[in-house]
Amino acid sequence: MNNAAPSPSDDGRTLMDDPAPSPEKRPRMASETPLIREYWAILLRQKWVVAGIVALALLAGLALTLMATPQYSSSARIEISRQQQ
């Protein structure tokens, strides 16, 4: 006796037989571009994460700059000669 519920594929239908979902519920296709407002909303929701990443990057850059050994050096020599009168 098999009391297991049938899997969705056991009723003979395929994915092509499913009705198309409404535009509000269907997932965004890869060819559709998201709106700038959506990106802005994500940035506003995650503003502390973004600020933390920016701060860490700036501190890491500052630390690497201060700890790095100078690669270039230069010297200058000025020669002043007196004019004969």
PDB file of N, CA and C in Angstrom:
ATOM      1  N   MET A   1       0.839  -1.169   0.000  1.00  0.00           N
ATOM      2  CA  MET A   1       0.000   0.000   0.000  1.00  0.00           C
ATOM      3  C   MET A   1       0.890   1.240   0.000  1.00  0.00           C
ATOM      4  N   ASN A   2       0.694   2.115  -0.973  1.00  0.00           N
ATOM      5  CA  ASN A   2       1.530   3.300  -1.138  1.00  0.00           C
ATOM      6  C   ASN A   2       0.697   4.528  -0.785  1.00  0.00           C
ATOM      7  N   ASN A   3       0.988   5.160   0.364  1.00  0.00           N
ATOM      8  CA  ASN A   3       0.252   6.349   0.800  1.00  0.00           C
ATOM      9  C   ASN A   3       0.976   7.638   0.461  1.00  0.00           C
ATOM     10  N   ALA A   4       2.073   7.571  -0.270  1.00  0.00           N
ATOM     11  CA  ALA A   4       2.847   8.770  -0.592  1.00  0.00           C
ATOM     12  C   ALA A   4       2.068   9.643  -1.568  1.00  0.00           C
ATOM     13  N   ALA A   5       2.172  10.934  -1.381  1.00  0.00           N
ATOM     14  CA  ALA A   5       1.501  11.876  -2.278  1.00  0.00           C
ATOM     15  C   ALA A   5       2.215  11.868  -3.625  1.00  0.00           C
ATOM     16  N   PRO A   6       1.473  11.952  -4.706  1.00  0.00           N
ATOM     17  CA  PRO A   6       2.118  11.947  -6.022  1.00  0.00           C
ATOM     18  C   PRO A   6       2.924  13.228  -6.220  1.00  0.00           C
ATOM     19  N   SER A   7       4.036  13.087  -6.918  1.00  0.00           N
ATOM     20  CA  SER A   7       4.843  14.273  -7.201  1.00  0.00           C
ATOM     21  C   SER A   7       4.162  15.089  -8.293  1.00  0.00           C
ATOM     22  N   PRO A   8       4.496  16.370  -8.418  1.00  0.00           N
ATOM     23  CA  PRO A   8       3.827  17.206  -9.418  1.00  0.00           C
ATOM     24  C   PRO A   8       3.989  16.693 -10.839  1.00  0.00           C
ATOM     25  N   SER A   9       5.069  15.981 -11.111  1.00  0.00           N
ATOM     26  CA  SER A   9       5.264  15.508 -12.479  1.00  0.00           C
ATOM     27  C   SER A   9       4.472  14.245 -12.787  1.00  0.00           C
ATOM     28  N   ASP A  10       3.799  13.650 -11.790  1.00  0.00           N
ATOM     29  CA  ASP A  10       3.068  12.400 -12.002  1.00  0.00           C
ATOM     30  C   ASP A  10       1.709  12.599 -12.662  1.00  0.00           C
ATOM     31  N   ASP A  11       1.242  13.831 -12.799  1.00  0.00           N
ATOM     32  CA  ASP A  11      -0.082  14.017 -13.385  1.00  0.00           C
ATOM     33  C   ASP A  11      -0.029  14.158 -14.904  1.00  0.00           C
ATOM     34  N   GLY A  12       1.145  13.999 -15.498  1.00  0.00           N
ATOM     35  CA  GLY A  12       1.256  14.004 -16.945  1.00  0.00           C
ATOM     36  C   GLY A  12       1.468  15.375 -17.562  1.00  0.00           C
ATOM     37  N   ARG A  13       1.472  16.418 -16.752  1.00  0.00           N
ATOM     38  CA  ARG A  13       1.675  17.754 -17.308  1.00  0.00           C
ATOM     39  C   ARG A  13       3.172  18.065 -17.394  1.00  0.00           C
ATOM     40  N   THR A  14       3.519  19.024 -18.229  1.00  0.00           N
ATOM     41  CA  THR A  14       4.899  19.499 -18.330  1.00  0.00           C
ATOM     42  C   THR A  14       4.921  20.973 -17.945  1.00  0.00           C
ATOM     43  N   LEU A  15       6.126  21.518 -17.867  1.00  0.00           N
ATOM     44  CA  LEU A  15       6.237  22.946 -17.544  1.00  0.00           C
ATOM     45  C   LEU A  15       5.605  23.811 -18.616  1.00  0.00           C
ATOM     46  N   MET A  16       5.592  23.321 -19.835  1.00  0.00           N
ATOM     47  CA  MET A  16       4.994  24.092 -20.926  1.00  0.00           C
ATOM     48  C   MET A  16       3.476  24.162 -20.800  1.00  0.00           C
ATOM     49  N   ASP A  17       2.864  23.242 -20.044  1.00  0.00           N
ATOM     50  CA  ASP A  17       1.419  23.231 -19.869  1.00  0.00           C
ATOM     51  C   ASP A  17       0.942  24.210 -18.801  1.00  0.00           C
ATOM     52  N   ASP A  18       1.855  24.705 -17.953  1.00  0.00           N
ATOM     53  CA  ASP A  18       1.458  25.616 -16.883  1.00  0.00           C
ATOM     54  C   ASP A  18       0.987  26.939 -17.473  1.00  0.00           C
ATOM     55  N   PRO A  19      -0.067  27.510 -16.909  1.00  0.00           N
ATOM     56  CA  PRO A  19      -0.508  28.807 -17.407  1.00  0.00           C
ATOM     57  C   PRO A  19       0.530  29.878 -17.070  1.00  0.00           C
ATOM     58  N   ALA A  20       0.594  30.901 -17.891  1.00  0.00           N
ATOM     59  CA  ALA A  20       1.558  31.989 -17.664  1.00  0.00           C
ATOM     60  C   ALA A  20       1.151  32.771 -16.411  1.00  0.00           C
ATOM     61  N   PRO A  21       2.088  33.054 -15.526  1.00  0.00           N
ATOM     62  CA  PRO A  21       1.744  33.829 -14.330  1.00  0.00           C
ATOM     63  C   PRO A  21       1.434  35.271 -14.695  1.00  0.00           C
ATOM     64  N   SER A  22       0.737  35.940 -13.814  1.00  0.00           N
ATOM     65  CA  SER A  22       0.392  37.337 -14.067  1.00  0.00           C
ATOM     66  C   SER A  22       1.668  38.175 -14.055  1.00  0.00           C
ATOM     67  N   PRO A  23       1.674  39.336 -14.707  1.00  0.00           N
ATOM     68  CA  PRO A  23       2.888  40.161 -14.768  1.00  0.00           C
ATOM     69  C   PRO A  23       3.424  40.557 -13.387  1.00  0.00           C
ATOM     70  N   GLU A  24       2.546  40.709 -12.386  1.00  0.00           N
ATOM     71  CA  GLU A  24       3.010  41.093 -11.050  1.00  0.00           C
ATOM     72  C   GLU A  24       3.760  39.947 -10.380  1.00  0.00           C
ATOM     73  N   LYS A  25       3.361  38.708 -10.682  1.00  0.00           N
ATOM     74  CA  LYS A  25       3.911  37.557  -9.985  1.00  0.00           C
ATOM     75  C   LYS A  25       5.022  36.861 -10.753  1.00  0.00           C
ATOM     76  N   ARG A  26       5.160  37.144 -12.029  1.00  0.00           N
ATOM     77  CA  ARG A  26       6.172  36.425 -12.785  1.00  0.00           C
ATOM     78  C   ARG A  26       7.552  36.981 -12.454  1.00  0.00           C
ATOM     79  N   PRO A  27       8.561  36.119 -12.440  1.00  0.00           N
ATOM     80  CA  PRO A  27       9.922  36.591 -12.149  1.00  0.00           C
ATOM     81  C   PRO A  27      10.458  37.434 -13.294  1.00  0.00           C
ATOM     82  N   ARG A  28      11.381  38.316 -12.956  1.00  0.00           N
ATOM     83  CA  ARG A  28      11.975  39.196 -13.969  1.00  0.00           C
ATOM     84  C   ARG A  28      12.872  38.370 -14.893  1.00  0.00           C
ATOM     85  N   MET A  29      12.713  38.593 -16.172  1.00  0.00           N
ATOM     86  CA  MET A  29      13.515  37.877 -17.154  1.00  0.00           C
ATOM     87  C   MET A  29      14.908  38.502 -17.216  1.00  0.00           C
ATOM     88  N   ALA A  30      15.880  37.749 -17.697  1.00  0.00           N
ATOM     89  CA  ALA A  30      17.265  38.226 -17.760  1.00  0.00           C
ATOM     90  C   ALA A  30      17.398  39.405 -18.719  1.00  0.00           C
ATOM     91  N   SER A  31      16.539  39.484 -19.726  1.00  0.00           N
ATOM     92  CA  SER A  31      16.658  40.564 -20.701  1.00  0.00           C
ATOM     93  C   SER A  31      16.061  41.870 -20.189  1.00  0.00           C
ATOM     94  N   GLU A  32      15.266  41.829 -19.140  1.00  0.00           N
ATOM     95  CA  GLU A  32      14.669  43.040 -18.597  1.00  0.00           C
ATOM     96  C   GLU A  32      15.667  43.717 -17.673  1.00  0.00           C
ATOM     97  N   THR A  33      15.758  45.033 -17.780  1.00  0.00           N
ATOM     98  CA  THR A  33      16.688  45.762 -16.924  1.00  0.00           C
ATOM     99  C   THR A  33      15.937  46.308 -15.718  1.00  0.00           C
ATOM    100  N   PRO A  34      16.518  46.188 -14.532  1.00  0.00           N
ATOM    101  CA  PRO A  34      15.861  46.731 -13.347  1.00  0.00           C
ATOM    102  C   PRO A  34      15.892  48.255 -13.360  1.00  0.00           C
ATOM    103  N   LEU A  35      14.948  48.829 -12.704  1.00  0.00           N
ATOM    104  CA  LEU A  35      14.864  50.278 -12.664  1.00  0.00           C
ATOM    105  C   LEU A  35      15.867  50.852 -11.689  1.00  0.00           C
ATOM    106  N   ILE A  36      16.252  52.096 -11.918  1.00  0.00           N
ATOM    107  CA  ILE A  36      17.178  52.789 -11.020  1.00  0.00           C
ATOM    108  C   ILE A  36      16.564  52.898  -9.624  1.00  0.00           C
ATOM    109  N   ARG A  37      15.262  53.047  -9.557  1.00  0.00           N
ATOM    110  CA  ARG A  37      14.597  53.143  -8.248  1.00  0.00           C
ATOM    111  C   ARG A  37      14.795  51.878  -7.421  1.00  0.00           C
ATOM    112  N   GLU A  38      14.806  50.737  -8.082  1.00  0.00           N
ATOM    113  CA  GLU A  38      15.029  49.486  -7.364  1.00  0.00           C
ATOM    114  C   GLU A  38      16.433  49.443  -6.779  1.00  0.00           C
ATOM    115  N   TYR A  39      17.425  49.859  -7.570  1.00  0.00           N
ATOM    116  CA  TYR A  39      18.794  49.921  -7.057  1.00  0.00           C
ATOM    117  C   TYR A  39      18.898  50.911  -5.907  1.00  0.00           C
ATOM    118  N   TRP A  40      18.259  52.065  -6.059  1.00  0.00           N
ATOM    119  CA  TRP A  40      18.297  53.086  -5.011  1.00  0.00           C
ATOM    120  C   TRP A  40      17.662  52.563  -3.724  1.00  0.00           C
ATOM    121  N   ALA A  41      16.571  51.852  -3.844  1.00  0.00           N
ATOM    122  CA  ALA A  41      15.903  51.296  -2.667  1.00  0.00           C
ATOM    123  C   ALA A  41      16.795  50.269  -1.973  1.00  0.00           C
ATOM    124  N   ILE A  42      17.499  49.458  -2.755  1.00  0.00           N
ATOM    125  CA  ILE A  42      18.421  48.481  -2.168  1.00  0.00           C
ATOM    126  C   ILE A  42      19.541  49.191  -1.439  1.00  0.00           C
ATOM    127  N   LEU A  43      20.108  50.222  -2.053  1.00  0.00           N
ATOM    128  CA  LEU A  43      21.195  50.976  -1.403  1.00  0.00           C
ATOM    129  C   LEU A  43      20.726  51.638  -0.118  1.00  0.00           C
ATOM    130  N   LEU A  44      19.511  52.175  -0.128  1.00  0.00           N
ATOM    131  CA  LEU A  44      18.993  52.816   1.084  1.00  0.00           C
ATOM    132  C   LEU A  44      18.742  51.796   2.188  1.00  0.00           C
ATOM    133  N   ARG A  45      18.261  50.614   1.809  1.00  0.00           N
ATOM    134  CA  ARG A  45      18.041  49.571   2.817  1.00  0.00           C
ATOM    135  C   ARG A  45      19.352  49.085   3.407  1.00  0.00           C
ATOM    136  N   GLN A  46      20.375  49.028   2.601  1.00  0.00           N
ATOM    137  CA  GLN A  46      21.665  48.484   3.024  1.00  0.00           C
ATOM    138  C   GLN A  46      22.702  49.588   3.224  1.00  0.00           C
ATOM    139  N   LYS A  47      22.265  50.791   3.608  1.00  0.00           N
ATOM    140  CA  LYS A  47      23.188  51.927   3.676  1.00  0.00           C
ATOM    141  C   LYS A  47      24.315  51.705   4.673  1.00  0.00           C
ATOM    142  N   TRP A  48      24.076  51.024   5.779  1.00  0.00           N
ATOM    143  CA  TRP A  48      25.133  50.812   6.766  1.00  0.00           C
ATOM    144  C   TRP A  48      26.139  49.782   6.259  1.00  0.00           C
ATOM    145  N   VAL A  49      25.684  48.826   5.518  1.00  0.00           N
ATOM    146  CA  VAL A  49      26.605  47.850   4.927  1.00  0.00           C
ATOM    147  C   VAL A  49      27.496  48.541   3.894  1.00  0.00           C
ATOM    148  N   VAL A  50      26.892  49.365   3.049  1.00  0.00           N
ATOM    149  CA  VAL A  50      27.646  50.090   2.025  1.00  0.00           C
ATOM    150  C   VAL A  50      28.639  51.043   2.688  1.00  0.00           C
ATOM    151  N   ALA A  51      28.197  51.777   3.710  1.00  0.00           N
ATOM    152  CA  ALA A  51      29.094  52.706   4.408  1.00  0.00           C
ATOM    153  C   ALA A  51      30.245  51.963   5.077  1.00  0.00           C
ATOM    154  N   GLY A  52      29.973  50.812   5.652  1.00  0.00           N
ATOM    155  CA  GLY A  52      31.021  50.021   6.280  1.00  0.00           C
ATOM    156  C   GLY A  52      32.047  49.528   5.282  1.00  0.00           C
ATOM    157  N   ILE A  53      31.597  49.075   4.138  1.00  0.00           N
ATOM    158  CA  ILE A  53      32.512  48.594   3.100  1.00  0.00           C
ATOM    159  C   ILE A  53      33.381  49.735   2.584  1.00  0.00           C
ATOM    160  N   VAL A  54      32.779  50.895   2.358  1.00  0.00           N
ATOM    161  CA  VAL A  54      33.540  52.057   1.890  1.00  0.00           C
ATOM    162  C   VAL A  54      34.566  52.478   2.940  1.00  0.00           C
ATOM    163  N   ALA A  55      34.160  52.522   4.209  1.00  0.00           N
ATOM    164  CA  ALA A  55      35.077  52.912   5.279  1.00  0.00           C
ATOM    165  C   ALA A  55      36.233  51.918   5.400  1.00  0.00           C
ATOM    166  N   LEU A  56      35.942  50.621   5.337  1.00  0.00           N
ATOM    167  CA  LEU A  56      37.003  49.616   5.403  1.00  0.00           C
ATOM    168  C   LEU A  56      37.963  49.734   4.222  1.00  0.00           C
ATOM    169  N   ALA A  57      37.440  49.995   3.049  1.00  0.00           N
ATOM    170  CA  ALA A  57      38.297  50.144   1.873  1.00  0.00           C
ATOM    171  C   ALA A  57      39.197  51.367   2.006  1.00  0.00           C
ATOM    172  N   LEU A  58      38.644  52.469   2.508  1.00  0.00           N
ATOM    173  CA  LEU A  58      39.455  53.673   2.700  1.00  0.00           C
ATOM    174  C   LEU A  58      40.529  53.457   3.758  1.00  0.00           C
ATOM    175  N   LEU A  59      40.182  52.815   4.862  1.00  0.00           N
ATOM    176  CA  LEU A  59      41.167  52.554   5.910  1.00  0.00           C
ATOM    177  C   LEU A  59      42.253  51.592   5.422  1.00  0.00           C
ATOM    178  N   ALA A  60      41.873  50.595   4.665  1.00  0.00           N
ATOM    179  CA  ALA A  60      42.862  49.662   4.126  1.00  0.00           C
ATOM    180  C   ALA A  60      43.798  50.372   3.150  1.00  0.00           C
ATOM    181  N   GLY A  61      43.262  51.222   2.324  1.00  0.00           N
ATOM    182  CA  GLY A  61      44.090  51.989   1.389  1.00  0.00           C
ATOM    183  C   GLY A  61      45.039  52.923   2.108  1.00  0.00           C
ATOM    184  N   LEU A  62      44.547  53.584   3.152  1.00  0.00           N
ATOM    185  CA  LEU A  62      45.394  54.480   3.941  1.00  0.00           C
ATOM    186  C   LEU A  62      46.508  53.703   4.630  1.00  0.00           C
ATOM    187  N   ALA A  63      46.166  52.564   5.225  1.00  0.00           N
ATOM    188  CA  ALA A  63      47.172  51.748   5.913  1.00  0.00           C
ATOM    189  C   ALA A  63      48.235  51.252   4.937  1.00  0.00           C
ATOM    190  N   LEU A  64      47.823  50.788   3.774  1.00  0.00           N
ATOM    191  CA  LEU A  64      48.795  50.307   2.783  1.00  0.00           C
ATOM    192  C   LEU A  64      49.675  51.442   2.279  1.00  0.00           C
ATOM    193  N   THR A  65      49.110  52.616   2.129  1.00  0.00           N
ATOM    194  CA  THR A  65      49.891  53.759   1.667  1.00  0.00           C
ATOM    195  C   THR A  65      50.927  54.169   2.703  1.00  0.00           C
ATOM    196  N   LEU A  66      50.546  54.192   3.956  1.00  0.00           N
ATOM    197  CA  LEU A  66      51.469  54.611   5.005  1.00  0.00           C
ATOM    198  C   LEU A  66      52.551  53.571   5.285  1.00  0.00           C
ATOM    199  N   MET A  67      52.254  52.305   5.101  1.00  0.00           N
ATOM    200  CA  MET A  67      53.224  51.253   5.386  1.00  0.00           C
ATOM    201  C   MET A  67      54.130  50.926   4.196  1.00  0.00           C
ATOM    202  N   ALA A  68      53.782  51.377   3.019  1.00  0.00           N
ATOM    203  CA  ALA A  68      54.566  51.050   1.831  1.00  0.00           C
ATOM    204  C   ALA A  68      55.899  51.799   1.853  1.00  0.00           C
ATOM    205  N   THR A  69      56.941  51.139   1.372  1.00  0.00           N
ATOM    206  CA  THR A  69      58.236  51.803   1.269  1.00  0.00           C
ATOM    207  C   THR A  69      58.242  52.663   0.017  1.00  0.00           C
ATOM    208  N   PRO A  70      58.871  53.829   0.086  1.00  0.00           N
ATOM    209  CA  PRO A  70      58.913  54.694  -1.101  1.00  0.00           C
ATOM    210  C   PRO A  70      59.658  54.009  -2.249  1.00  0.00           C
ATOM    211  N   GLN A  71      59.134  54.113  -3.423  1.00  0.00           N
ATOM    212  CA  GLN A  71      59.753  53.464  -4.572  1.00  0.00           C
ATOM    213  C   GLN A  71      60.632  54.423  -5.358  1.00  0.00           C
ATOM    214  N   TYR A  72      60.358  55.687  -5.274  1.00  0.00           N
ATOM    215  CA  TYR A  72      61.086  56.656  -6.077  1.00  0.00           C
ATOM    216  C   TYR A  72      61.778  57.655  -5.160  1.00  0.00           C
ATOM    217  N   SER A  73      62.948  58.057  -5.582  1.00  0.00           N
ATOM    218  CA  SER A  73      63.635  59.133  -4.874  1.00  0.00           C
ATOM    219  C   SER A  73      64.273  60.028  -5.923  1.00  0.00           C
ATOM    220  N   SER A  74      64.471  61.244  -5.552  1.00  0.00           N
ATOM    221  CA  SER A  74      65.077  62.184  -6.490  1.00  0.00           C
ATOM    222  C   SER A  74      66.015  63.105  -5.723  1.00  0.00           C
ATOM    223  N   SER A  75      66.907  63.687  -6.437  1.00  0.00           N
ATOM    224  CA  SER A  75      67.806  64.676  -5.843  1.00  0.00           C
ATOM    225  C   SER A  75      67.991  65.793  -6.860  1.00  0.00           C
ATOM    226  N   ALA A  76      68.281  66.939  -6.355  1.00  0.00           N
ATOM    227  CA  ALA A  76      68.480  68.097  -7.223  1.00  0.00           C
ATOM    228  C   ALA A  76      69.768  68.798  -6.811  1.00  0.00           C
ATOM    229  N   ARG A  77      70.427  69.353  -7.771  1.00  0.00           N
ATOM    230  CA  ARG A  77      71.654  70.097  -7.509  1.00  0.00           C
ATOM    231  C   ARG A  77      71.553  71.420  -8.231  1.00  0.00           C
ATOM    232  N   ILE A  78      71.727  72.471  -7.478  1.00  0.00           N
ATOM    233  CA  ILE A  78      71.659  73.822  -8.057  1.00  0.00           C
ATOM    234  C   ILE A  78      73.072  74.371  -8.069  1.00  0.00           C
ATOM    235  N   GLU A  79      73.516  74.783  -9.221  1.00  0.00           N
ATOM    236  CA  GLU A  79      74.841  75.366  -9.340  1.00  0.00           C
ATOM    237  C   GLU A  79      74.681  76.841  -9.675  1.00  0.00           C
ATOM    238  N   ILE A  80      75.249  77.681  -8.829  1.00  0.00           N
ATOM    239  CA  ILE A  80      75.169  79.128  -9.022  1.00  0.00           C
ATOM    240  C   ILE A  80      76.582  79.609  -9.328  1.00  0.00           C
ATOM    241  N   SER A  81      76.727  80.235 -10.448  1.00  0.00           N
ATOM    242  CA  SER A  81      78.035  80.789 -10.811  1.00  0.00           C
ATOM    243  C   SER A  81      77.941  82.308 -10.828  1.00  0.00           C
ATOM    244  N   ARG A  82      79.010  82.921 -10.348  1.00  0.00           N
ATOM    245  CA  ARG A  82      79.051  84.387 -10.317  1.00  0.00           C
ATOM    246  C   ARG A  82      79.437  84.898 -11.705  1.00  0.00           C
ATOM    247  N   GLN A  83      78.780  85.954 -12.067  1.00  0.00           N
ATOM    248  CA  GLN A  83      79.155  86.563 -13.342  1.00  0.00           C
ATOM    249  C   GLN A  83      80.353  87.494 -13.112  1.00  0.00           C
ATOM    250  N   GLN A  84      81.285  87.447 -13.982  1.00  0.00           N
ATOM    251  CA  GLN A  84      82.469  88.304 -13.889  1.00  0.00           C
ATOM    252  C   GLN A  84      82.138  89.677 -14.467  1.00  0.00           C
ATOM    253  N   GLN A  85      82.572  90.730 -13.753  1.00  0.00           N
ATOM    254  CA  GLN A  85      82.292  92.090 -14.229  1.00  0.00           C
ATOM    255  C   GLN A  85      83.495  92.724 -14.851  1.00  0.00           C
TER     256      GLN A  85
END
